[in-house]
Amino acid sequence: MKQFEYKVENMQIQLNNIEFNVTITEKLNSLGKEGWELSGVNGTIYYFKREISS
């Protein structure tokens, strides 16, 4: 059975739209390289999960 770990990130970034998009993209790509997959968003709260290797 697959097992997962979870991470919650509060991403409150106050920039103009272009800088916001670049900053969020960089942050999401960084987490993706660590194996985190975005699984949900609720306002400024981003939920991630990644599979735990047995």
C-alpha atoms as a PDB file:
ATOM      1  CA  MET A   1       0.000   0.000   0.000  1.00  0.00           C
ATOM      2  CA  LYS A   2       1.292   3.462  -0.871  1.00  0.00           C
ATOM      3  CA  GLN A   3       2.024   5.792   2.025  1.00  0.00           C
ATOM      4  CA  PHE A   4       2.292   9.556   1.842  1.00  0.00           C
ATOM      5  CA  GLU A   5       3.616  12.428   3.902  1.00  0.00           C
ATOM      6  CA  TYR A   6       2.020  15.850   3.757  1.00  0.00           C
ATOM      7  CA  LYS A   7       3.210  19.449   3.884  1.00  0.00           C
ATOM      8  CA  VAL A   8       1.244  22.685   4.313  1.00  0.00           C
ATOM      9  CA  GLU A   9       2.673  25.982   3.059  1.00  0.00           C
ATOM     10  CA  ASN A  10       1.150  29.408   3.658  1.00  0.00           C
ATOM     11  CA  MET A  11       2.255  31.454   0.629  1.00  0.00           C
ATOM     12  CA  GLN A  12       1.320  35.062   1.233  1.00  0.00           C
ATOM     13  CA  ILE A  13       3.300  36.995  -1.334  1.00  0.00           C
ATOM     14  CA  GLN A  14       2.453  40.655  -1.862  1.00  0.00           C
ATOM     15  CA  LEU A  15       3.926  41.689  -5.188  1.00  0.00           C
ATOM     16  CA  ASN A  16       2.595  42.845  -8.529  1.00  0.00           C
ATOM     17  CA  ASN A  17       1.056  40.106 -10.702  1.00  0.00           C
ATOM     18  CA  ILE A  18       4.169  39.387 -12.798  1.00  0.00           C
ATOM     19  CA  GLU A  19       6.472  39.101  -9.761  1.00  0.00           C
ATOM     20  CA  PHE A  20       3.832  37.022  -7.947  1.00  0.00           C
ATOM     21  CA  ASN A  21       3.623  34.534 -10.842  1.00  0.00           C
ATOM     22  CA  VAL A  22       7.409  34.227 -11.074  1.00  0.00           C
ATOM     23  CA  THR A  23       7.802  33.837  -7.298  1.00  0.00           C
ATOM     24  CA  ILE A  24       5.034  31.224  -6.979  1.00  0.00           C
ATOM     25  CA  THR A  25       6.364  29.329 -10.020  1.00  0.00           C
ATOM     26  CA  GLU A  26       9.872  29.242  -8.538  1.00  0.00           C
ATOM     27  CA  LYS A  27       8.551  28.064  -5.155  1.00  0.00           C
ATOM     28  CA  LEU A  28       6.347  25.352  -6.700  1.00  0.00           C
ATOM     29  CA  ASN A  29       9.178  24.133  -8.947  1.00  0.00           C
ATOM     30  CA  SER A  30      11.513  23.982  -5.953  1.00  0.00           C
ATOM     31  CA  LEU A  31       9.048  21.862  -3.973  1.00  0.00           C
ATOM     32  CA  GLY A  32       8.423  19.679  -7.036  1.00  0.00           C
ATOM     33  CA  LYS A  33      12.149  18.943  -7.303  1.00  0.00           C
ATOM     34  CA  GLU A  34      11.991  17.724  -3.685  1.00  0.00           C
ATOM     35  CA  GLY A  35       9.234  15.304  -4.696  1.00  0.00           C
ATOM     36  CA  TRP A  36       6.267  17.312  -3.384  1.00  0.00           C
ATOM     37  CA  GLU A  37       3.082  17.246  -5.464  1.00  0.00           C
ATOM     38  CA  LEU A  38       0.505  20.021  -5.114  1.00  0.00           C
ATOM     39  CA  SER A  39      -2.703  18.367  -3.935  1.00  0.00           C
ATOM     40  CA  GLY A  40      -4.880  21.350  -3.024  1.00  0.00           C
ATOM     41  CA  VAL A  41      -5.160  25.095  -2.510  1.00  0.00           C
ATOM     42  CA  ASN A  42      -7.386  27.051  -0.140  1.00  0.00           C
ATOM     43  CA  GLY A  43      -6.699  30.762  -0.507  1.00  0.00           C
ATOM     44  CA  THR A  44      -3.053  31.247   0.441  1.00  0.00           C
ATOM     45  CA  ILE A  45      -2.718  27.756   1.950  1.00  0.00           C
ATOM     46  CA  TYR A  46      -1.104  25.206  -0.389  1.00  0.00           C
ATOM     47  CA  TYR A  47      -1.259  21.479   0.401  1.00  0.00           C
ATOM     48  CA  PHE A  48       1.399  19.072  -0.863  1.00  0.00           C
ATOM     49  CA  LYS A  49       1.975  15.338  -0.623  1.00  0.00           C
ATOM     50  CA  ARG A  50       4.736  12.937  -1.604  1.00  0.00           C
ATOM     51  CA  GLU A  51       5.024   9.204  -1.499  1.00  0.00           C
ATOM     52  CA  ILE A  52       7.122   7.708   1.287  1.00  0.00           C
ATOM     53  CA  SER A  53       9.659   5.169   0.032  1.00  0.00           C
ATOM     54  CA  SER A  54       9.578   1.961   2.026  1.00  0.00           C
END
